[in-house]
Structure formats: structure tokens, C-alpha cells
Protein backbone atom coordinates (compact mmCIF):
# COMPACT_ATOMS: atom_id res chain seq x y z
CA MET A 1 5.85 0.08 17.23
CA THR A 2 4.99 1.31 13.73
CA VAL A 3 6.94 4.42 12.80
CA SER A 4 5.52 5.10 9.38
CA GLN A 5 2.81 3.62 7.18
CA ILE A 6 1.68 4.23 3.62
CA LYS A 7 -1.61 3.06 2.15
CA LEU A 8 -2.19 2.92 -1.62
CA LEU A 9 -5.57 2.29 -3.25
CA PHE A 10 -5.66 0.99 -6.81
CA GLU A 11 -8.86 1.08 -8.80
CA CYS A 12 -8.57 -1.81 -11.25
CA LEU A 13 -10.31 -2.46 -14.56
CA GLY A 14 -13.67 -4.12 -14.10
CA GLY A 15 -14.41 -2.29 -10.85
CA SER A 16 -12.21 -4.29 -8.48
CA ASN A 17 -9.89 -2.55 -6.04
CA ALA A 18 -6.57 -3.41 -4.45
CA ILE A 19 -5.10 -1.92 -1.28
CA VAL A 20 -1.36 -2.02 -0.61
CA LYS A 21 -0.02 -1.08 2.83
CA GLY A 22 3.64 -0.63 3.64
CA LYS A 23 4.80 -0.39 7.26
CA LEU A 24 8.15 0.70 8.67
CA TYR A 25 9.08 -0.12 12.26
CA PHE A 26 11.50 1.64 14.59
CA ASP A 27 15.02 0.16 14.43
CA ASP A 28 14.06 -2.52 11.88
CA PRO A 29 15.35 -2.49 8.27
CA VAL A 30 12.46 -4.66 7.03
CA ILE A 31 9.40 -3.19 5.30
CA GLU A 32 6.19 -5.13 5.95
CA TRP A 33 3.82 -5.27 2.97
CA GLU A 34 0.14 -6.20 3.10
CA VAL A 35 -1.86 -6.54 -0.12
CA THR A 36 -5.65 -6.93 -0.13
CA THR A 37 -7.87 -7.25 -3.19
CA ASP A 38 -11.55 -7.40 -3.94
CA ALA A 39 -12.84 -10.57 -5.56
CA ILE A 40 -11.20 -11.36 -8.90
CA TRP A 41 -13.76 -11.89 -11.65
CA VAL A 42 -13.52 -15.33 -13.25
CA GLY A 43 -16.81 -15.34 -15.16
CA ASP A 44 -14.92 -15.68 -18.46
CA ASP A 45 -13.60 -19.14 -17.40
CA GLN A 46 -10.01 -17.93 -17.82
CA GLY A 47 -7.43 -18.59 -15.12
CA LYS A 48 -6.08 -15.52 -13.34
CA ASP A 49 -2.80 -14.73 -11.63
CA LEU A 50 -2.26 -11.84 -9.29
CA THR A 51 1.32 -10.61 -9.13
CA ILE A 52 2.98 -7.99 -6.98
CA ASN A 53 6.22 -6.62 -8.39
CA PHE A 54 8.71 -4.60 -6.37
CA ALA A 55 11.84 -2.91 -7.70
CA SER A 56 14.81 -1.37 -5.92
CA LYS A 57 17.89 0.29 -7.35
CA GLU A 58 19.77 -0.36 -4.10
CA ILE A 59 19.56 -4.16 -4.07
CA ASN A 60 22.28 -5.95 -6.03
CA ASN A 61 21.01 -9.53 -6.18
CA LYS A 62 22.72 -10.40 -9.48
CA GLY A 63 19.35 -11.26 -11.04
CA VAL A 64 18.42 -13.91 -8.45
CA PHE A 65 15.10 -13.61 -6.63
CA TYR A 66 12.56 -15.87 -4.91
CA THR A 67 8.83 -16.38 -5.36
CA ASP A 68 6.22 -18.03 -3.17
CA ALA A 69 2.98 -19.44 -4.58
CA ASN A 70 0.28 -19.18 -1.92
CA GLY A 71 2.65 -20.04 0.90
CA LEU A 72 3.48 -23.45 -0.56
CA GLU A 73 7.25 -23.18 -1.01
CA MET A 74 9.89 -20.66 -2.02
CA GLN A 75 11.30 -21.06 -5.54
CA GLN A 76 14.60 -19.53 -6.66
CA ARG A 77 14.31 -17.62 -9.93
CA VAL A 78 16.97 -16.11 -12.18
CA LEU A 79 16.12 -12.98 -14.18
CA SER A 80 16.24 -13.57 -17.96
CA PHE A 81 17.32 -17.20 -17.53
CA GLN A 82 17.12 -19.18 -20.79
CA GLN A 83 17.39 -22.93 -20.35
CA GLY A 84 19.23 -24.34 -23.35
């Protein structure tokens, strides 16, 4: 059962839109996020990446986080890591 939901609409440059929905459920500490976008214009023959960035002052992850590229596999990342 959804307890609370927020819906944000972003009007992007070039006329595209993005919708972000956040859902909270009763007795569950997880927030479910759903992101939907209009078509991304690629008429300039340039590759495009769509990123979603979340920040929290309450999470102490020591600069370690994980990314997932199109559901392929999770990759561990380290904030400000410089390979030397």
C-alpha cells in the first residue's frame, strides 16, 4: 500500500520532458523511484547519456556507490578516485 507519492515534472531544453515519481510505502524504509522521459533528440549525431543523481546528508557510505548501466550489471564506484 502506497502511503505517500510525489511527482515532479521537468521541462528540459529542446522541449523534452522528464517525470520523476517517488513512492513511500507503509512500514518500508525503501523509496521507490520511477523516471520517465520523452524521446532524447539525437539529430546532431552526438551520443547522449541520461543520469539521475540523488544526494542524502544522512547516508555515510564513505564515498562508495554503485551504478547500473541499463540493467546490465552493477559497478562499484569510489567518489573522487584517482587511479595512479
